[in-house]
C-alpha atoms as a PDB file:
ATOM      1  CA  MET A   1      19.581  53.391  37.966  1.00  0.00           C
ATOM      2  CA  LYS A   2      16.887  50.392  36.939  1.00  0.00           C
ATOM      3  CA  SER A   3      18.950  49.344  33.948  1.00  0.00           C
ATOM      4  CA  TYR A   4      22.273  48.808  36.518  1.00  0.00           C
ATOM      5  CA  PHE A   5      20.263  46.988  38.892  1.00  0.00           C
ATOM      6  CA  PHE A   6      18.484  45.096  36.741  1.00  0.00           C
ATOM      7  CA  TYR A   7      22.682  43.808  35.344  1.00  0.00           C
ATOM      8  CA  PHE A   8      23.425  43.123  38.137  1.00  0.00           C
ATOM      9  CA  PHE A   9      21.085  41.107  39.289  1.00  0.00           C
ATOM     10  CA  ALA A  10      21.204  38.670  36.497  1.00  0.00           C
ATOM     11  CA  VAL A  11      24.775  38.575  36.598  1.00  0.00           C
ATOM     12  CA  ILE A  12      24.242  37.486  40.254  1.00  0.00           C
ATOM     13  CA  CYS A  13      21.272  34.515  38.721  1.00  0.00           C
ATOM     14  CA  LEU A  14      24.345  33.022  36.013  1.00  0.00           C
ATOM     15  CA  ILE A  15      26.586  33.183  38.614  1.00  0.00           C
ATOM     16  CA  ALA A  16      24.242  30.915  41.073  1.00  0.00           C
ATOM     17  CA  CYS A  17      23.094  28.764  37.816  1.00  0.00           C
ATOM     18  CA  GLY A  18      26.886  28.430  37.083  1.00  0.00           C
ATOM     19  CA  GLU A  19      26.442  29.740  33.942  1.00  0.00           C
ATOM     20  CA  ILE A  20      29.362  31.831  33.936  1.00  0.00           C
ATOM     21  CA  SER A  21      32.056  32.195  36.656  1.00  0.00           C
ATOM     22  CA  PRO A  22      32.504  35.141  39.546  1.00  0.00           C
ATOM     23  CA  ALA A  23      36.190  35.944  37.966  1.00  0.00           C
ATOM     24  CA  TRP A  24      33.892  37.280  35.064  1.00  0.00           C
ATOM     25  CA  ALA A  25      31.266  38.969  36.523  1.00  0.00           C
ATOM     26  CA  LYS A  26      33.933  41.177  38.729  1.00  0.00           C
ATOM     27  CA  ASP A  27      36.044  41.421  35.430  1.00  0.00           C
ATOM     28  CA  ARG A  28      33.141  42.788  34.268  1.00  0.00           C
ATOM     29  CA  LEU A  29      31.639  44.695  37.081  1.00  0.00           C
ATOM     30  CA  ASN A  30      34.850  46.334  37.901  1.00  0.00           C
ATOM     31  CA  THR A  31      37.112  47.234  34.800  1.00  0.00           C
ATOM     32  CA  SER A  32      37.940  50.043  35.927  1.00  0.00           C
ATOM     33  CA  ILE A  33      41.014  51.540  38.685  1.00  0.00           C
ATOM     34  CA  LYS A  34      41.618  54.522  40.157  1.00  0.00           C
ATOM     35  CA  GLY A  35      41.905  57.584  38.281  1.00  0.00           C
ATOM     36  CA  GLY A  36      39.425  56.018  35.652  1.00  0.00           C
ATOM     37  CA  LYS A  37      42.080  54.160  33.971  1.00  0.00           C
ATOM     38  CA  THR A  38      41.533  50.654  32.906  1.00  0.00           C
ATOM     39  CA  MET A  39      44.444  47.840  33.429  1.00  0.00           C
ATOM     40  CA  GLU A  40      44.635  45.420  30.114  1.00  0.00           C
ATOM     41  CA  ILE A  41      46.439  42.505  29.690  1.00  0.00           C
ATOM     42  CA  LYS A  42      46.784  40.852  26.229  1.00  0.00           C
ATOM     43  CA  SER A  43      48.772  38.267  23.863  1.00  0.00           C
ATOM     44  CA  SER A  44      49.917  38.435  20.227  1.00  0.00           C
ATOM     45  CA  SER A  45      49.064  34.891  19.524  1.00  0.00           C
ATOM     46  CA  PHE A  46      45.647  34.772  20.737  1.00  0.00           C
ATOM     47  CA  ASN A  47      42.480  37.383  21.269  1.00  0.00           C
ATOM     48  CA  HIS A  48      40.529  37.832  24.102  1.00  0.00           C
ATOM     49  CA  GLU A  49      38.065  34.778  24.355  1.00  0.00           C
ATOM     50  CA  GLY A  50      39.333  33.529  20.902  1.00  0.00           C
ATOM     51  CA  MET A  51      41.714  29.904  20.789  1.00  0.00           C
ATOM     52  CA  ILE A  52      44.732  29.792  22.190  1.00  0.00           C
ATOM     53  CA  PRO A  53      46.955  27.964  19.435  1.00  0.00           C
ATOM     54  CA  ALA A  54      47.988  24.214  20.380  1.00  0.00           C
ATOM     55  CA  LYS A  55      51.946  25.364  20.638  1.00  0.00           C
ATOM     56  CA  TYR A  56      51.060  26.930  23.798  1.00  0.00           C
ATOM     57  CA  SER A  57      49.072  23.489  24.989  1.00  0.00           C
ATOM     58  CA  CYS A  58      50.123  19.781  25.883  1.00  0.00           C
ATOM     59  CA  ASP A  59      49.552  18.756  21.764  1.00  0.00           C
ATOM     60  CA  GLY A  60      52.170  21.549  20.996  1.00  0.00           C
ATOM     61  CA  GLN A  61      54.999  22.401  22.958  1.00  0.00           C
ATOM     62  CA  ASN A  62      53.786  23.273  26.307  1.00  0.00           C
ATOM     63  CA  ILE A  63      55.440  26.354  26.436  1.00  0.00           C
ATOM     64  CA  SER A  64      54.059  29.839  27.927  1.00  0.00           C
ATOM     65  CA  PRO A  65      52.387  32.169  25.448  1.00  0.00           C
ATOM     66  CA  PRO A  66      54.169  35.962  25.143  1.00  0.00           C
ATOM     67  CA  LEU A  67      51.440  38.462  27.081  1.00  0.00           C
ATOM     68  CA  SER A  68      51.892  42.148  27.599  1.00  0.00           C
ATOM     69  CA  TRP A  69      49.947  44.733  29.449  1.00  0.00           C
ATOM     70  CA  SER A  70      49.562  48.773  30.117  1.00  0.00           C
ATOM     71  CA  GLY A  71      47.341  51.190  32.231  1.00  0.00           C
ATOM     72  CA  ALA A  72      49.256  50.166  35.596  1.00  0.00           C
ATOM     73  CA  PRO A  73      48.093  52.353  38.984  1.00  0.00           C
ATOM     74  CA  GLU A  74      51.365  54.674  38.955  1.00  0.00           C
ATOM     75  CA  LYS A  75      51.673  53.626  42.585  1.00  0.00           C
ATOM     76  CA  THR A  76      52.332  49.911  41.021  1.00  0.00           C
ATOM     77  CA  LYS A  77      55.345  47.821  42.643  1.00  0.00           C
ATOM     78  CA  SER A  78      54.997  44.419  41.191  1.00  0.00           C
ATOM     79  CA  PHE A  79      53.100  42.099  39.385  1.00  0.00           C
ATOM     80  CA  ALA A  80      51.660  38.908  39.991  1.00  0.00           C
ATOM     81  CA  LEU A  81      49.608  36.697  36.878  1.00  0.00           C
ATOM     82  CA  VAL A  82      47.643  33.563  37.562  1.00  0.00           C
ATOM     83  CA  CYS A  83      46.602  31.227  34.514  1.00  0.00           C
ATOM     84  CA  ASP A  84      43.339  28.374  35.689  1.00  0.00           C
ATOM     85  CA  ASP A  85      40.927  26.819  34.133  1.00  0.00           C
ATOM     86  CA  PRO A  86      37.400  26.618  35.687  1.00  0.00           C
ATOM     87  CA  ASP A  87      36.018  24.365  33.485  1.00  0.00           C
ATOM     88  CA  ALA A  88      38.454  21.205  34.633  1.00  0.00           C
ATOM     89  CA  PRO A  89      36.229  17.837  35.560  1.00  0.00           C
ATOM     90  CA  ALA A  90      37.930  17.629  39.022  1.00  0.00           C
ATOM     91  CA  GLY A  91      38.016  22.016  39.831  1.00  0.00           C
ATOM     92  CA  ILE A  92      39.929  24.761  38.919  1.00  0.00           C
ATOM     93  CA  TRP A  93      43.290  23.778  37.505  1.00  0.00           C
ATOM     94  CA  VAL A  94      45.936  25.937  37.935  1.00  0.00           C
ATOM     95  CA  HIS A  95      48.469  26.461  35.204  1.00  0.00           C
ATOM     96  CA  TRP A  96      50.362  28.987  35.927  1.00  0.00           C
ATOM     97  CA  VAL A  97      52.054  30.875  38.865  1.00  0.00           C
ATOM     98  CA  PHE A  98      54.210  33.867  38.608  1.00  0.00           C
ATOM     99  CA  PHE A  99      55.037  36.938  41.009  1.00  0.00           C
ATOM    100  CA  ASP A 100      57.220  39.455  41.623  1.00  0.00           C
ATOM    101  CA  ILE A 101      57.344  40.965  38.247  1.00  0.00           C
ATOM    102  CA  PRO A 102      58.643  44.139  38.704  1.00  0.00           C
ATOM    103  CA  ALA A 103      56.799  47.067  38.402  1.00  0.00           C
ATOM    104  CA  THR A 104      59.059  48.371  35.169  1.00  0.00           C
ATOM    105  CA  VAL A 105      58.151  45.101  33.432  1.00  0.00           C
ATOM    106  CA  ASN A 106      54.986  45.539  31.092  1.00  0.00           C
ATOM    107  CA  SER A 107      55.446  42.110  28.991  1.00  0.00           C
ATOM    108  CA  LEU A 108      56.556  38.467  29.569  1.00  0.00           C
ATOM    109  CA  PRO A 109      58.456  36.792  26.415  1.00  0.00           C
ATOM    110  CA  GLU A 110      56.931  33.266  24.762  1.00  0.00           C
ATOM    111  CA  LYS A 111      58.363  30.284  26.427  1.00  0.00           C
ATOM    112  CA  LEU A 112      59.629  31.391  29.946  1.00  0.00           C
ATOM    113  CA  PRO A 113      61.959  29.045  31.379  1.00  0.00           C
ATOM    114  CA  LYS A 114      60.046  26.339  33.632  1.00  0.00           C
ATOM    115  CA  GLN A 115      62.775  27.502  36.566  1.00  0.00           C
ATOM    116  CA  GLU A 116      61.490  28.650  40.375  1.00  0.00           C
ATOM    117  CA  GLU A 117      63.465  32.030  39.154  1.00  0.00           C
ATOM    118  CA  ILE A 118      64.036  34.210  35.911  1.00  0.00           C
ATOM    119  CA  ALA A 119      66.172  36.780  37.099  1.00  0.00           C
ATOM    120  CA  GLY A 120      64.828  39.796  35.911  1.00  0.00           C
ATOM    121  CA  LEU A 121      61.317  38.680  35.072  1.00  0.00           C
ATOM    122  CA  GLY A 122      59.958  37.414  38.223  1.00  0.00           C
ATOM    123  CA  LYS A 123      59.077  34.111  40.419  1.00  0.00           C
ATOM    124  CA  SER A 124      57.269  31.065  39.828  1.00  0.00           C
ATOM    125  CA  GLY A 125      54.618  29.381  41.673  1.00  0.00           C
ATOM    126  CA  LYS A 126      53.555  26.016  41.717  1.00  0.00           C
ATOM    127  CA  ASN A 127      50.752  24.898  39.514  1.00  0.00           C
ATOM    128  CA  THR A 128      48.078  21.709  40.026  1.00  0.00           C
ATOM    129  CA  SER A 129      50.545  19.617  38.531  1.00  0.00           C
ATOM    130  CA  ARG A 130      53.729  20.503  41.295  1.00  0.00           C
ATOM    131  CA  ARG A 131      55.149  21.537  38.974  1.00  0.00           C
ATOM    132  CA  TRP A 132      57.615  24.819  38.183  1.00  0.00           C
ATOM    133  CA  GLY A 133      56.370  27.791  35.501  1.00  0.00           C
ATOM    134  CA  TYR A 134      53.483  27.047  32.390  1.00  0.00           C
ATOM    135  CA  ASP A 135      51.620  24.105  32.190  1.00  0.00           C
ATOM    136  CA  GLY A 136      49.477  24.301  29.079  1.00  0.00           C
ATOM    137  CA  PRO A 137      46.115  23.403  28.656  1.00  0.00           C
ATOM    138  CA  CYS A 138      45.383  19.786  28.263  1.00  0.00           C
ATOM    139  CA  PRO A 139      41.596  19.344  28.651  1.00  0.00           C
ATOM    140  CA  PRO A 140      40.395  15.779  28.786  1.00  0.00           C
ATOM    141  CA  GLY A 141      37.502  16.849  26.848  1.00  0.00           C
ATOM    142  CA  GLY A 142      35.172  19.701  25.418  1.00  0.00           C
ATOM    143  CA  MET A 143      35.963  23.292  25.318  1.00  0.00           C
ATOM    144  CA  HIS A 144      38.103  24.935  27.932  1.00  0.00           C
ATOM    145  CA  ARG A 145      38.181  28.532  29.112  1.00  0.00           C
ATOM    146  CA  TYR A 146      41.947  29.805  30.156  1.00  0.00           C
ATOM    147  CA  TYR A 147      41.928  32.589  32.127  1.00  0.00           C
ATOM    148  CA  PHE A 148      45.242  35.028  32.548  1.00  0.00           C
ATOM    149  CA  LYS A 149      44.590  36.521  35.660  1.00  0.00           C
ATOM    150  CA  LEU A 150      47.059  40.239  36.047  1.00  0.00           C
ATOM    151  CA  TYR A 151      47.223  41.640  39.299  1.00  0.00           C
ATOM    152  CA  ALA A 152      49.083  45.094  40.157  1.00  0.00           C
ATOM    153  CA  LEU A 153      50.397  45.030  43.101  1.00  0.00           C
ATOM    154  CA  ASP A 154      51.343  47.998  45.718  1.00  0.00           C
ATOM    155  CA  THR A 155      54.390  45.978  46.851  1.00  0.00           C
ATOM    156  CA  MET A 156      57.186  43.553  45.806  1.00  0.00           C
ATOM    157  CA  LEU A 157      56.445  40.231  48.195  1.00  0.00           C
ATOM    158  CA  ASN A 158      59.527  39.357  48.512  1.00  0.00           C
ATOM    159  CA  VAL A 159      58.419  35.491  49.319  1.00  0.00           C
ATOM    160  CA  SER A 160      60.095  32.016  48.595  1.00  0.00           C
ATOM    161  CA  ALA A 161      59.309  30.451  45.239  1.00  0.00           C
ATOM    162  CA  GLY A 162      57.100  27.993  45.210  1.00  0.00           C
ATOM    163  CA  LEU A 163      53.562  29.005  45.884  1.00  0.00           C
ATOM    164  CA  THR A 164      50.548  27.768  45.490  1.00  0.00           C
ATOM    165  CA  LYS A 165      47.599  29.916  43.646  1.00  0.00           C
ATOM    166  CA  GLU A 166      45.540  29.911  47.005  1.00  0.00           C
ATOM    167  CA  GLU A 167      49.043  31.180  49.134  1.00  0.00           C
ATOM    168  CA  LEU A 168      49.562  33.777  46.187  1.00  0.00           C
ATOM    169  CA  LEU A 169      46.052  35.328  47.398  1.00  0.00           C
ATOM    170  CA  GLY A 170      46.745  34.993  50.549  1.00  0.00           C
ATOM    171  CA  ALA A 171      50.199  37.012  50.285  1.00  0.00           C
ATOM    172  CA  MET A 172      48.581  39.923  48.123  1.00  0.00           C
ATOM    173  CA  LYS A 173      45.353  40.191  50.092  1.00  0.00           C
ATOM    174  CA  GLY A 174      45.423  43.988  51.031  1.00  0.00           C
ATOM    175  CA  HIS A 175      48.066  44.725  48.114  1.00  0.00           C
ATOM    176  CA  ILE A 176      46.181  44.584  45.106  1.00  0.00           C
ATOM    177  CA  LEU A 177      45.714  48.083  42.865  1.00  0.00           C
ATOM    178  CA  ALA A 178      44.636  47.035  39.745  1.00  0.00           C
ATOM    179  CA  GLU A 179      43.487  43.712  37.953  1.00  0.00           C
ATOM    180  CA  ALA A 180      42.975  42.911  34.583  1.00  0.00           C
ATOM    181  CA  GLN A 181      42.418  39.466  32.378  1.00  0.00           C
ATOM    182  CA  LEU A 182      42.818  37.623  28.915  1.00  0.00           C
ATOM    183  CA  MET A 183      40.577  34.448  28.524  1.00  0.00           C
ATOM    184  CA  GLY A 184      41.610  32.246  25.703  1.00  0.00           C
ATOM    185  CA  LYS A 185      39.692  29.075  24.722  1.00  0.00           C
ATOM    186  CA  TYR A 186      41.268  25.646  24.360  1.00  0.00           C
ATOM    187  CA  LYS A 187      39.832  22.602  22.723  1.00  0.00           C
ATOM    188  CA  ARG A 188      41.463  19.267  21.537  1.00  0.00           C
END
């Protein structure tokens, strides 16, 4: 019990000092879902906390990376995905918002089209650049972290394409069954 309290206190101090993001801490403190399972998201193109290949950045083809996931709760009706960069100078920069992914889907292929809706896969939101689809890493300098956050939901949101990250989070409130994240790094 003492060690858990120390760990919790240390995480709170690191968040307060800006050394880690609250999302990182939440992921580490709440990794399992009901029933003891853990939902996981990964990419065949880079490892968790590894370097994202330039192909998926503004220095390359600026295409979305392949993603796959497993371990979703049984009652999952849909998934939502957000990719953002908490290291951007102007604050959190959202690179991708994608939602109403059917529960029968457990992967997204490389190079998803940058359009409002992709038949059988889901709907695009708007990223910080106000564009549809994935907008890859393009940091002005230094190493940046990019978090691909997957949410398992107990409903299809059935809202129009074009939601911002904040609007999506609002629509998902009370419907999140589990979360998983994959973090990749990129430096120009």
